[in-house]
Amino acid sequence: MGEGYYALDSLGAVCPFPLIEAKDVMKTLQSGDHLVIDFDCTQATEVIPQWAATEGHEVTDFVETGDASWQITVKKG
C-alpha cells in the first residue's frame, strides 16, 4: 500500500478468521506500522478493536465501506 502501511483483505472470511489473520500479520510488522483490514464479518467490528486495545495497538481509522463491510486501520504499538 505504501511505506509503513500493509493491507489484509479478509472479505468473505467468516469469524473469527479476520481477527486470527490480523494477529498473524501484526506479528510480522514493526512498531508504528499500520495494518489496513477489509472485512465483512459483523463480529469483527467489536473483536478487532477490543484486541487492538488489549495488545497496545491503536485504531487510527474505522469506516463502513458498504452495506455489510468495513475497513479498520490498526497501528502497531
N, C-alpha and C. Protein backbone atom coordinates (compact mmCIF):
# COMPACT_ATOMS: atom_id res chain seq x y z
N MET A 1 0.83 -1.19 0.00
CA MET A 1 0.00 0.00 0.00
C MET A 1 0.87 1.26 0.00
N GLY A 2 1.92 1.23 0.73
CA GLY A 2 2.80 2.37 0.88
C GLY A 2 3.70 2.11 2.06
N GLU A 3 4.69 2.92 2.21
CA GLU A 3 5.65 2.69 3.28
C GLU A 3 4.97 2.71 4.65
N GLY A 4 5.12 1.62 5.37
CA GLY A 4 4.55 1.51 6.71
C GLY A 4 3.08 1.12 6.74
N TYR A 5 2.48 0.91 5.58
CA TYR A 5 1.07 0.50 5.51
C TYR A 5 0.97 -0.84 4.80
N TYR A 6 0.22 -1.75 5.39
CA TYR A 6 0.06 -3.09 4.85
C TYR A 6 -1.43 -3.43 4.81
N ALA A 7 -1.86 -4.14 3.78
CA ALA A 7 -3.27 -4.47 3.58
C ALA A 7 -3.54 -5.92 3.91
N LEU A 8 -4.70 -6.15 4.50
CA LEU A 8 -5.18 -7.50 4.76
C LEU A 8 -6.63 -7.55 4.27
N ASP A 9 -6.86 -8.32 3.22
CA ASP A 9 -8.21 -8.47 2.67
C ASP A 9 -8.84 -9.71 3.27
N SER A 10 -9.76 -9.50 4.20
CA SER A 10 -10.47 -10.61 4.85
C SER A 10 -11.93 -10.66 4.42
N LEU A 11 -12.25 -10.00 3.32
CA LEU A 11 -13.62 -10.04 2.83
C LEU A 11 -14.00 -11.47 2.48
N GLY A 12 -15.15 -11.89 2.96
CA GLY A 12 -15.61 -13.25 2.71
C GLY A 12 -15.17 -14.26 3.75
N ALA A 13 -14.23 -13.89 4.62
CA ALA A 13 -13.78 -14.79 5.67
C ALA A 13 -14.77 -14.74 6.84
N VAL A 14 -15.17 -15.90 7.31
CA VAL A 14 -16.11 -15.96 8.43
C VAL A 14 -15.35 -15.74 9.74
N CYS A 15 -16.07 -15.24 10.72
CA CYS A 15 -15.47 -15.03 12.05
C CYS A 15 -15.09 -16.38 12.64
N PRO A 16 -13.98 -16.48 13.30
CA PRO A 16 -13.08 -15.45 13.79
C PRO A 16 -11.86 -15.22 12.89
N PHE A 17 -11.91 -15.65 11.64
CA PHE A 17 -10.71 -15.59 10.80
C PHE A 17 -10.15 -14.19 10.53
N PRO A 18 -10.97 -13.15 10.37
CA PRO A 18 -10.36 -11.83 10.21
C PRO A 18 -9.45 -11.45 11.39
N LEU A 19 -9.87 -11.78 12.61
CA LEU A 19 -9.04 -11.50 13.79
C LEU A 19 -7.81 -12.38 13.82
N ILE A 20 -7.96 -13.65 13.53
CA ILE A 20 -6.82 -14.58 13.54
C ILE A 20 -5.78 -14.13 12.51
N GLU A 21 -6.24 -13.78 11.32
CA GLU A 21 -5.32 -13.32 10.27
C GLU A 21 -4.64 -12.01 10.67
N ALA A 22 -5.40 -11.10 11.28
CA ALA A 22 -4.82 -9.82 11.72
C ALA A 22 -3.73 -10.05 12.76
N LYS A 23 -3.98 -10.93 13.71
CA LYS A 23 -2.97 -11.25 14.73
C LYS A 23 -1.71 -11.78 14.08
N ASP A 24 -1.85 -12.70 13.13
CA ASP A 24 -0.69 -13.29 12.45
C ASP A 24 0.12 -12.25 11.69
N VAL A 25 -0.56 -11.38 10.96
CA VAL A 25 0.14 -10.35 10.19
C VAL A 25 0.80 -9.34 11.13
N MET A 26 0.11 -8.95 12.17
CA MET A 26 0.65 -7.95 13.09
C MET A 26 1.97 -8.40 13.72
N LYS A 27 2.12 -9.70 13.93
CA LYS A 27 3.37 -10.23 14.49
C LYS A 27 4.56 -9.94 13.59
N THR A 28 4.33 -9.80 12.30
CA THR A 28 5.43 -9.60 11.35
C THR A 28 5.76 -8.13 11.13
N LEU A 29 4.93 -7.23 11.66
CA LEU A 29 5.13 -5.80 11.43
C LEU A 29 5.99 -5.16 12.52
N GLN A 30 6.53 -4.02 12.20
CA GLN A 30 7.33 -3.25 13.14
C GLN A 30 6.42 -2.27 13.90
N SER A 31 6.85 -1.87 15.08
CA SER A 31 6.12 -0.86 15.84
C SER A 31 5.96 0.40 14.99
N GLY A 32 4.75 0.94 14.95
CA GLY A 32 4.47 2.13 14.14
C GLY A 32 3.90 1.82 12.78
N ASP A 33 4.01 0.56 12.31
CA ASP A 33 3.41 0.17 11.04
C ASP A 33 1.89 0.11 11.18
N HIS A 34 1.21 0.28 10.07
CA HIS A 34 -0.25 0.25 10.03
C HIS A 34 -0.74 -0.96 9.25
N LEU A 35 -1.75 -1.63 9.77
CA LEU A 35 -2.40 -2.73 9.07
C LEU A 35 -3.81 -2.30 8.73
N VAL A 36 -4.13 -2.27 7.43
CA VAL A 36 -5.45 -1.88 6.95
C VAL A 36 -6.21 -3.16 6.62
N ILE A 37 -7.28 -3.40 7.35
CA ILE A 37 -8.02 -4.66 7.25
C ILE A 37 -9.40 -4.40 6.65
N ASP A 38 -9.70 -5.06 5.55
CA ASP A 38 -11.04 -5.04 4.96
C ASP A 38 -11.74 -6.32 5.37
N PHE A 39 -12.96 -6.20 5.90
CA PHE A 39 -13.67 -7.39 6.37
C PHE A 39 -15.18 -7.18 6.28
N ASP A 40 -15.92 -8.29 6.32
CA ASP A 40 -17.37 -8.22 6.29
C ASP A 40 -18.01 -9.14 7.31
N CYS A 41 -17.29 -9.42 8.36
CA CYS A 41 -17.77 -10.24 9.47
C CYS A 41 -18.21 -9.29 10.59
N THR A 42 -19.51 -9.29 10.92
CA THR A 42 -20.02 -8.32 11.88
C THR A 42 -19.38 -8.45 13.26
N GLN A 43 -19.04 -9.66 13.68
CA GLN A 43 -18.39 -9.83 14.99
C GLN A 43 -17.05 -9.10 15.06
N ALA A 44 -16.37 -9.02 13.93
CA ALA A 44 -15.05 -8.38 13.90
C ALA A 44 -15.13 -6.89 14.17
N THR A 45 -16.31 -6.28 13.98
CA THR A 45 -16.44 -4.85 14.27
C THR A 45 -16.22 -4.58 15.75
N GLU A 46 -16.43 -5.58 16.59
CA GLU A 46 -16.19 -5.44 18.03
C GLU A 46 -14.88 -6.08 18.45
N VAL A 47 -14.60 -7.29 17.95
CA VAL A 47 -13.44 -8.01 18.47
C VAL A 47 -12.10 -7.45 18.00
N ILE A 48 -12.02 -6.91 16.79
CA ILE A 48 -10.74 -6.35 16.33
C ILE A 48 -10.37 -5.11 17.14
N PRO A 49 -11.27 -4.14 17.34
CA PRO A 49 -10.89 -3.00 18.19
C PRO A 49 -10.56 -3.41 19.63
N GLN A 50 -11.30 -4.39 20.18
CA GLN A 50 -11.01 -4.85 21.55
C GLN A 50 -9.63 -5.48 21.62
N TRP A 51 -9.30 -6.33 20.65
CA TRP A 51 -7.99 -6.96 20.60
C TRP A 51 -6.90 -5.90 20.47
N ALA A 52 -7.10 -4.93 19.58
CA ALA A 52 -6.10 -3.89 19.38
C ALA A 52 -5.82 -3.14 20.68
N ALA A 53 -6.87 -2.75 21.39
CA ALA A 53 -6.69 -2.02 22.65
C ALA A 53 -5.99 -2.87 23.69
N THR A 54 -6.36 -4.13 23.79
CA THR A 54 -5.75 -5.04 24.76
C THR A 54 -4.26 -5.24 24.49
N GLU A 55 -3.88 -5.27 23.21
CA GLU A 55 -2.49 -5.52 22.84
C GLU A 55 -1.65 -4.25 22.75
N GLY A 56 -2.24 -3.09 23.01
CA GLY A 56 -1.49 -1.84 22.99
C GLY A 56 -1.36 -1.23 21.61
N HIS A 57 -2.21 -1.66 20.68
CA HIS A 57 -2.24 -1.08 19.35
C HIS A 57 -3.27 0.05 19.32
N GLU A 58 -3.23 0.86 18.28
CA GLU A 58 -4.14 2.00 18.16
C GLU A 58 -4.98 1.87 16.89
N VAL A 59 -6.28 2.02 17.03
CA VAL A 59 -7.16 2.08 15.86
C VAL A 59 -7.12 3.52 15.36
N THR A 60 -6.61 3.72 14.15
CA THR A 60 -6.47 5.08 13.61
C THR A 60 -7.57 5.43 12.62
N ASP A 61 -8.30 4.42 12.14
CA ASP A 61 -9.39 4.67 11.20
C ASP A 61 -10.32 3.47 11.23
N PHE A 62 -11.62 3.71 11.14
CA PHE A 62 -12.61 2.63 11.14
C PHE A 62 -13.83 3.15 10.38
N VAL A 63 -14.06 2.64 9.17
CA VAL A 63 -15.16 3.12 8.34
C VAL A 63 -15.97 1.97 7.77
N GLU A 64 -17.24 2.24 7.55
CA GLU A 64 -18.10 1.29 6.86
C GLU A 64 -17.92 1.53 5.37
N THR A 65 -17.59 0.49 4.64
CA THR A 65 -17.30 0.63 3.21
C THR A 65 -18.42 0.12 2.32
N GLY A 66 -19.44 -0.48 2.92
CA GLY A 66 -20.58 -1.00 2.19
C GLY A 66 -21.68 -1.36 3.15
N ASP A 67 -22.73 -2.01 2.64
CA ASP A 67 -23.87 -2.38 3.48
C ASP A 67 -23.47 -3.27 4.65
N ALA A 68 -22.53 -4.15 4.43
CA ALA A 68 -22.08 -5.06 5.49
C ALA A 68 -20.58 -5.30 5.37
N SER A 69 -19.83 -4.24 5.14
CA SER A 69 -18.38 -4.39 5.08
C SER A 69 -17.73 -3.15 5.69
N TRP A 70 -16.54 -3.37 6.25
CA TRP A 70 -15.84 -2.32 6.97
C TRP A 70 -14.36 -2.36 6.65
N GLN A 71 -13.68 -1.25 6.98
CA GLN A 71 -12.24 -1.18 6.88
C GLN A 71 -11.73 -0.53 8.16
N ILE A 72 -10.78 -1.20 8.79
CA ILE A 72 -10.20 -0.69 10.02
C ILE A 72 -8.68 -0.61 9.84
N THR A 73 -8.09 0.45 10.34
CA THR A 73 -6.64 0.59 10.30
C THR A 73 -6.12 0.55 11.72
N VAL A 74 -5.18 -0.37 11.94
CA VAL A 74 -4.60 -0.58 13.27
C VAL A 74 -3.11 -0.26 13.19
N LYS A 75 -2.66 0.63 14.06
CA LYS A 75 -1.26 1.00 14.16
C LYS A 75 -0.61 0.16 15.25
N LYS A 76 0.45 -0.55 14.90
CA LYS A 76 1.11 -1.43 15.87
C LYS A 76 1.78 -0.59 16.95
N GLY A 77 1.50 -0.98 18.19
CA GLY A 77 2.07 -0.28 19.34
C GLY A 77 3.44 -0.78 19.70
